Amino acid sequence: MTVYIDPPAWPGHGRLWSHLVSDVSYDELHLFAEELGVPRRAFERDHYDIPSHRYADAVAAGAVEVRSREVVRLLTAAGLRRPKGRAQ
C-alpha cells in the first residue's frame, strides 16, 4: 500500500492542511486513513484533508512525502482525480 501526502500548505479553518491521496484506489486510501484514525468526514472528492499537526503521523505510518503538484499528477495518472465543479 502506498499513499502520498503533500506538505501542509493549504490554509483553512485557522490552520494549514495537507492532502493525502492514493494512486491505486479510494479503498486503499480509506483503509490507510482509517488505520491512521482520520475520520471519513475529512475525505473530499479524491483526497483526505490532513491538519498540519497530523502530518508527521501520516509519514510515520507510511505516507510518502511529495510536492503538491505531484499529488495532482498521481491522481490524474491513476484516473482518480475529481476536480471541483465536475459531476462525480
Protein backbone atom coordinates (compact mmCIF):
# COMPACT_ATOMS: atom_id res chain seq x y z
CA MET A 1 0.00 0.00 0.00
CA THR A 2 1.39 3.39 -1.00
CA VAL A 3 -0.33 6.63 -0.23
CA TYR A 4 1.10 10.09 -0.70
CA ILE A 5 0.95 13.35 1.24
CA ASP A 6 1.93 16.88 0.31
CA PRO A 7 3.33 19.46 2.78
CA PRO A 8 0.81 21.29 4.98
CA ALA A 9 0.48 24.47 2.94
CA TRP A 10 -3.27 24.82 2.34
CA PRO A 11 -4.98 27.29 4.73
CA GLY A 12 -8.43 26.70 6.13
CA HIS A 13 -10.25 26.98 9.44
CA GLY A 14 -7.29 28.71 11.10
CA ARG A 15 -4.71 26.03 10.29
CA LEU A 16 -2.70 24.51 7.44
CA TRP A 17 -3.66 21.29 5.68
CA SER A 18 -2.08 18.54 3.59
CA HIS A 19 -3.70 16.29 1.01
CA LEU A 20 -3.49 12.52 1.44
CA VAL A 21 -4.04 10.53 -1.78
CA SER A 22 -3.68 7.08 -3.30
CA ASP A 23 -2.57 6.30 -6.84
CA VAL A 24 -4.28 2.90 -6.73
CA SER A 25 -7.82 3.21 -5.34
CA TYR A 26 -10.12 5.02 -2.98
CA ASP A 27 -10.43 1.78 -1.00
CA GLU A 28 -6.68 1.84 -0.34
CA LEU A 29 -6.90 5.48 0.70
CA HIS A 30 -9.87 4.90 3.01
CA LEU A 31 -8.11 1.95 4.66
CA PHE A 32 -4.95 3.95 5.32
CA ALA A 33 -6.95 6.89 6.69
CA GLU A 34 -8.97 4.58 8.94
CA GLU A 35 -5.81 2.95 10.29
CA LEU A 36 -4.41 6.44 10.94
CA GLY A 37 -7.60 7.41 12.79
CA VAL A 38 -8.65 10.05 10.28
CA PRO A 39 -12.44 10.48 10.22
CA ARG A 40 -14.26 9.78 6.95
CA ARG A 41 -15.65 13.33 7.00
CA ALA A 42 -12.10 14.51 6.14
CA PHE A 43 -12.47 12.89 2.68
CA GLU A 44 -13.17 15.41 -0.06
CA ARG A 45 -13.83 14.12 -3.61
CA ASP A 46 -10.44 12.41 -4.17
CA HIS A 47 -8.30 13.09 -1.10
CA TYR A 48 -8.26 13.40 2.66
CA ASP A 49 -7.52 16.75 4.25
CA ILE A 50 -4.92 16.21 6.98
CA PRO A 51 -4.21 19.00 9.50
CA SER A 52 -0.57 20.02 9.89
CA HIS A 53 -0.32 18.54 13.39
CA ARG A 54 -1.06 15.07 11.91
CA TYR A 55 1.40 15.31 9.00
CA ALA A 56 4.24 13.56 10.85
CA ASP A 57 1.83 10.82 11.97
CA ALA A 58 0.87 10.12 8.35
CA VAL A 59 4.50 9.97 7.26
CA ALA A 60 5.41 7.70 10.18
CA ALA A 61 2.53 5.40 9.15
CA GLY A 62 3.99 5.11 5.65
CA ALA A 63 2.68 8.01 3.58
CA VAL A 64 5.25 9.11 1.02
CA GLU A 65 6.06 12.83 1.03
CA VAL A 66 5.58 14.53 -2.35
CA ARG A 67 5.17 18.07 -3.65
CA SER A 68 1.66 19.41 -4.13
CA ARG A 69 1.96 19.25 -7.93
CA GLU A 70 2.80 15.57 -7.64
CA VAL A 71 -0.48 14.90 -5.81
CA VAL A 72 -2.48 16.13 -8.80
CA ARG A 73 -0.26 14.24 -11.26
CA LEU A 74 -0.63 10.98 -9.30
CA LEU A 75 -4.42 11.30 -9.08
CA THR A 76 -4.76 12.17 -12.75
CA ALA A 77 -2.50 9.34 -13.93
CA ALA A 78 -4.48 6.85 -11.82
CA GLY A 79 -7.82 8.12 -13.12
CA LEU A 80 -8.83 9.10 -9.60
CA ARG A 81 -8.86 12.90 -9.96
CA ARG A 82 -12.23 14.50 -9.20
CA PRO A 83 -11.89 18.28 -9.68
CA LYS A 84 -14.32 20.68 -8.06
CA GLY A 85 -17.33 21.56 -10.15
CA ARG A 86 -17.42 18.37 -12.22
CA ALA A 87 -20.01 15.66 -11.96
CA GLN A 88 -18.83 12.77 -9.82
